[in-house]
Amino acid sequence: MSQEPDFNFDNTVGEDPNQMEMCQVTGKLTPYDEIVELHGYRVCAEGKQEILRRLKAGLSLPGEMETPGIGTRFVAMLLDSMILGTFAMIGAAIMGYNLYVNPMFVDYAIDQGDSAIWMFKFQGALTLGFYMISSAYFIIFHARGGQTPGKMAAGIMVVDYDGAPITYKRSTVRLLYYQGPYFLAPFSMLILWEMEMITIVNLALSSLGALWGLVDIVMALADRAEQKSLHDRLAATRVIVKG
């Protein structure tokens, strides 16, 4: 047998029934004698129906942090990727120009005796530059309101476990955990000078990065209540619906 909601109809004792009280759900002023207590909220009839609707649908109650749907987070990520992809296309155009059009770079690489090594160096520098731009993008937007443009459009935001905005430090830590081993790849291209070693290290970092990303996604999908991914757990953050 289902348990009846915990109503309290004695909230008008000692009060003037002509006075008004604000419903904690709808915000409407309501006479004292029409206010009831339900699950810790003092609500009017309309507010009571809203709480019951949320309980029946398994939604968060007013004031609680609501977890967005997977589709919503995907849309936010897609929009951010499109914005950052513009910078990647610019970088690719610059790289293509220097590799195939600008004779100064090609001649310099040939003079060094191993053009392939120098192409790796140039690619590593461009990749690192893109990482710096994308890192600044996420760190600044998340620390200044918890929302990137993609999250703004999707109506979601990043907060700490208590629902408070995150600091620049926490935003930076979250970004590093999000990128994982991928962040080290451009550095290996810049500091290593043997083709075989560059190939091996990049393959290892790519494999670790792919595994890291897979675990990150699986953990978010497995946590149906809060969708905390690996990088969110390590940085003590979560993504919620912006109220």
Protein backbone atom coordinates (compact mmCIF):
# COMPACT_ATOMS: atom_id res chain seq x y z
CA MET A 1 0.00 0.00 0.00
CA SER A 2 1.46 3.37 -1.04
CA GLN A 3 2.32 5.88 1.64
CA GLU A 4 0.15 8.99 1.74
CA PRO A 5 1.95 12.36 1.31
CA ASP A 6 2.85 14.08 4.54
CA PHE A 7 0.31 16.93 4.68
CA ASN A 8 -0.02 19.33 7.57
CA PHE A 9 -3.29 21.27 7.60
CA ASP A 10 -2.70 22.87 11.02
CA ASN A 11 -0.53 25.70 9.74
CA THR A 12 -3.16 28.36 10.42
CA VAL A 13 -3.35 27.84 14.18
CA GLY A 14 -2.84 31.17 15.91
CA GLU A 15 -2.67 33.03 12.58
CA ASP A 16 -5.05 35.57 11.09
CA PRO A 17 -6.74 33.80 8.13
CA ASN A 18 -6.98 37.15 6.35
CA GLN A 19 -3.20 37.44 6.20
CA MET A 20 -1.28 36.19 3.18
CA GLU A 21 1.69 33.87 2.80
CA MET A 22 3.84 33.25 -0.25
CA CYS A 23 3.73 29.77 -1.77
CA GLN A 24 7.30 28.37 -1.79
CA VAL A 25 6.78 26.76 -5.20
CA THR A 26 4.73 29.22 -7.26
CA GLY A 27 5.69 32.40 -5.40
CA LYS A 28 2.05 33.46 -5.27
CA LEU A 29 0.57 35.18 -2.22
CA THR A 30 -2.10 32.92 -0.74
CA PRO A 31 -4.34 33.17 2.36
CA TYR A 32 -2.95 31.32 5.38
CA ASP A 33 -5.93 29.01 5.53
CA GLU A 34 -5.19 27.77 1.98
CA ILE A 35 -1.54 26.94 2.64
CA VAL A 36 -0.47 23.36 3.44
CA GLU A 37 2.90 21.70 4.14
CA LEU A 38 4.05 19.03 1.71
CA HIS A 39 7.50 17.44 1.80
CA GLY A 40 8.90 20.40 3.70
CA TYR A 41 7.36 23.05 1.41
CA ARG A 42 4.58 25.46 2.37
CA VAL A 43 2.48 25.56 -0.74
CA CYS A 44 -0.85 26.62 -2.21
CA ALA A 45 -3.06 24.24 -4.16
CA GLU A 46 -1.19 24.92 -7.40
CA GLY A 47 2.18 24.40 -5.70
CA LYS A 48 0.95 21.15 -4.17
CA GLN A 49 0.00 19.82 -7.62
CA GLU A 50 3.42 20.80 -8.97
CA ILE A 51 5.25 18.93 -6.21
CA LEU A 52 3.08 15.84 -6.68
CA ARG A 53 3.68 16.00 -10.43
CA ARG A 54 7.44 16.13 -9.95
CA LEU A 55 7.41 13.28 -7.46
CA LYS A 56 5.34 11.12 -9.81
CA ALA A 57 7.63 11.90 -12.77
CA GLY A 58 10.81 11.34 -10.73
CA LEU A 59 11.93 14.94 -11.22
CA SER A 60 13.87 17.05 -8.73
CA LEU A 61 11.89 19.16 -6.30
CA PRO A 62 12.10 22.98 -6.34
CA GLY A 63 15.46 24.15 -5.05
CA GLU A 64 17.15 20.83 -5.80
CA MET A 65 19.82 20.47 -8.49
CA GLU A 66 18.33 18.91 -11.61
CA THR A 67 20.42 16.64 -13.84
CA PRO A 68 20.13 17.36 -17.58
CA GLY A 69 19.42 14.68 -20.13
CA ILE A 70 22.23 13.03 -22.08
CA GLY A 71 20.88 14.57 -25.28
CA THR A 72 21.06 18.05 -23.77
CA ARG A 73 24.70 17.60 -22.80
CA PHE A 74 25.48 16.23 -26.26
CA VAL A 75 23.94 19.30 -27.91
CA ALA A 76 26.04 21.59 -25.68
CA MET A 77 29.20 19.65 -26.52
CA LEU A 78 28.37 19.73 -30.24
CA LEU A 79 27.88 23.50 -30.25
CA ASP A 80 31.14 24.08 -28.37
CA SER A 81 32.93 21.73 -30.78
CA MET A 82 31.61 23.69 -33.75
CA ILE A 83 32.91 26.93 -32.26
CA LEU A 84 36.33 25.49 -31.47
CA GLY A 85 36.36 23.69 -34.81
CA THR A 86 36.51 27.09 -36.49
CA PHE A 87 39.85 27.74 -34.78
CA ALA A 88 41.05 24.26 -35.78
CA MET A 89 40.22 24.97 -39.43
CA ILE A 90 42.21 28.21 -39.27
CA GLY A 91 45.14 26.34 -37.77
CA ALA A 92 44.91 23.63 -40.45
CA ALA A 93 44.90 26.30 -43.15
CA ILE A 94 48.03 27.87 -41.67
CA MET A 95 49.73 24.49 -41.51
CA GLY A 96 48.78 23.66 -45.09
CA TYR A 97 50.10 26.99 -46.31
CA ASN A 98 53.46 26.52 -44.61
CA LEU A 99 53.86 22.92 -45.70
CA TYR A 100 52.81 23.21 -49.32
CA VAL A 101 52.93 26.87 -50.34
CA ASN A 102 55.48 28.77 -48.31
CA PRO A 103 58.93 27.79 -49.68
CA MET A 104 60.72 29.26 -46.65
CA PHE A 105 59.46 26.56 -44.29
CA VAL A 106 59.98 23.72 -46.77
CA ASP A 107 63.52 24.85 -47.60
CA TYR A 108 64.37 25.22 -43.90
CA ALA A 109 63.07 21.74 -43.14
CA ILE A 110 65.10 20.24 -45.98
CA ASP A 111 68.23 22.08 -44.83
CA GLN A 112 67.88 20.46 -41.40
CA GLY A 113 68.26 17.03 -42.99
CA ASP A 114 64.94 15.49 -41.93
CA SER A 115 61.87 17.34 -43.12
CA ALA A 116 59.52 14.76 -41.53
CA ILE A 117 60.84 15.57 -38.05
CA TRP A 118 60.32 19.29 -38.59
CA MET A 119 56.83 18.71 -39.91
CA PHE A 120 56.08 16.87 -36.66
CA LYS A 121 57.51 19.82 -34.75
CA PHE A 122 55.32 22.25 -36.63
CA GLN A 123 52.26 20.04 -36.17
CA GLY A 124 53.02 19.76 -32.46
CA ALA A 125 53.27 23.54 -32.13
CA LEU A 126 49.93 24.05 -33.92
CA THR A 127 48.26 21.34 -31.84
CA LEU A 128 49.59 22.86 -28.64
CA GLY A 129 48.34 26.26 -29.75
CA PHE A 130 44.87 24.85 -30.37
CA TYR A 131 44.91 23.13 -26.96
CA MET A 132 45.80 26.43 -25.34
CA ILE A 133 42.91 28.18 -27.08
CA SER A 134 40.39 25.45 -26.23
CA SER A 135 41.67 25.28 -22.64
CA ALA A 136 41.25 29.03 -22.18
CA TYR A 137 37.79 28.76 -23.73
CA PHE A 138 36.55 26.17 -21.21
CA ILE A 139 38.43 27.50 -18.17
CA ILE A 140 37.29 31.10 -18.53
CA PHE A 141 33.67 30.40 -19.43
CA HIS A 142 33.23 27.77 -16.69
CA ALA A 143 34.85 30.00 -14.05
CA ARG A 144 32.81 33.05 -15.09
CA GLY A 145 29.32 31.65 -14.69
CA GLY A 146 29.68 27.91 -15.25
CA GLN A 147 28.56 28.05 -18.89
CA THR A 148 30.28 27.90 -22.25
CA PRO A 149 28.27 29.22 -25.22
CA GLY A 150 27.16 25.65 -25.90
CA LYS A 151 25.95 25.20 -22.32
CA MET A 152 24.20 28.58 -22.44
CA ALA A 153 22.23 27.47 -25.48
CA ALA A 154 21.40 24.12 -23.84
CA GLY A 155 20.44 25.70 -20.49
CA ILE A 156 22.96 23.76 -18.38
CA MET A 157 25.93 24.76 -16.23
CA VAL A 158 28.91 23.41 -14.24
CA VAL A 159 28.85 23.77 -10.45
CA ASP A 160 30.57 22.17 -7.46
CA TYR A 161 28.87 19.47 -5.37
CA ASP A 162 27.08 22.10 -3.27
CA GLY A 163 25.71 23.86 -6.34
CA ALA A 164 28.06 26.84 -6.01
CA PRO A 165 29.96 28.38 -8.99
CA ILE A 166 33.42 26.93 -9.57
CA THR A 167 36.63 28.93 -9.28
CA TYR A 168 39.35 29.37 -11.89
CA LYS A 169 41.46 26.81 -10.05
CA ARG A 170 38.74 24.17 -10.05
CA SER A 171 37.87 25.00 -13.66
CA THR A 172 41.51 24.47 -14.67
CA VAL A 173 41.75 21.18 -12.78
CA ARG A 174 38.51 19.99 -14.37
CA LEU A 175 39.83 20.82 -17.84
CA LEU A 176 43.08 18.91 -17.27
CA TYR A 177 41.18 15.87 -16.04
CA TYR A 178 38.86 16.15 -19.05
CA GLN A 179 41.70 16.17 -21.58
CA GLY A 180 43.66 13.46 -19.79
CA PRO A 181 46.67 11.98 -21.65
CA TYR A 182 45.73 13.78 -24.88
CA PHE A 183 47.15 16.99 -23.47
CA LEU A 184 50.67 15.50 -23.46
CA ALA A 185 50.69 14.54 -27.16
CA PRO A 186 51.88 17.89 -28.62
CA PHE A 187 54.64 18.11 -26.02
CA SER A 188 56.02 14.76 -27.17
CA MET A 189 56.18 16.08 -30.74
CA LEU A 190 58.12 19.12 -29.58
CA ILE A 191 60.67 17.54 -27.23
CA LEU A 192 61.44 14.24 -29.02
CA TRP A 193 63.78 14.11 -32.02
CA GLU A 194 63.62 10.48 -33.20
CA MET A 195 60.84 9.53 -35.59
CA GLU A 196 60.44 6.07 -34.08
CA MET A 197 60.18 7.44 -30.55
CA ILE A 198 57.71 10.15 -31.62
CA THR A 199 55.51 7.53 -33.29
CA ILE A 200 55.59 5.16 -30.31
CA VAL A 201 54.89 7.87 -27.72
CA ASN A 202 52.08 9.41 -29.76
CA LEU A 203 50.48 6.00 -30.31
CA ALA A 204 50.67 5.27 -26.57
CA LEU A 205 49.22 8.64 -25.61
CA SER A 206 46.45 8.32 -28.20
CA SER A 207 45.54 4.86 -26.89
CA LEU A 208 45.53 6.04 -23.28
CA GLY A 209 43.53 9.12 -24.26
CA ALA A 210 40.92 7.00 -26.03
CA LEU A 211 40.63 4.70 -23.01
CA TRP A 212 40.39 7.69 -20.66
CA GLY A 213 37.62 9.20 -22.79
CA LEU A 214 35.71 5.92 -22.91
CA VAL A 215 35.82 5.51 -19.12
CA ASP A 216 34.77 9.16 -18.77
CA ILE A 217 31.66 8.61 -20.90
CA VAL A 218 30.74 5.25 -19.36
CA MET A 219 30.90 6.67 -15.83
CA ALA A 220 28.58 9.53 -16.81
CA LEU A 221 26.08 7.14 -18.40
CA ALA A 222 26.21 4.77 -15.43
CA ASP A 223 25.47 7.57 -12.95
CA ARG A 224 21.83 8.17 -13.88
CA ALA A 225 21.13 10.35 -10.85
CA GLU A 226 23.85 12.99 -11.37
CA GLN A 227 25.74 11.95 -14.55
CA LYS A 228 29.11 12.62 -12.96
CA SER A 229 31.83 11.60 -15.39
CA LEU A 230 35.39 10.70 -14.46
CA HIS A 231 36.66 14.26 -14.81
CA ASP A 232 33.70 15.60 -12.80
CA ARG A 233 34.36 13.15 -9.97
CA LEU A 234 38.07 13.97 -9.86
CA ALA A 235 37.41 17.73 -9.93
CA ALA A 236 34.40 17.52 -7.53
CA THR A 237 32.04 19.16 -10.03
CA ARG A 238 28.78 18.26 -11.78
CA VAL A 239 26.60 19.51 -14.61
CA ILE A 240 23.06 20.66 -13.75
CA VAL A 241 20.10 22.35 -15.39
CA LYS A 242 20.38 26.08 -14.91
CA GLY A 243 17.49 27.26 -12.76
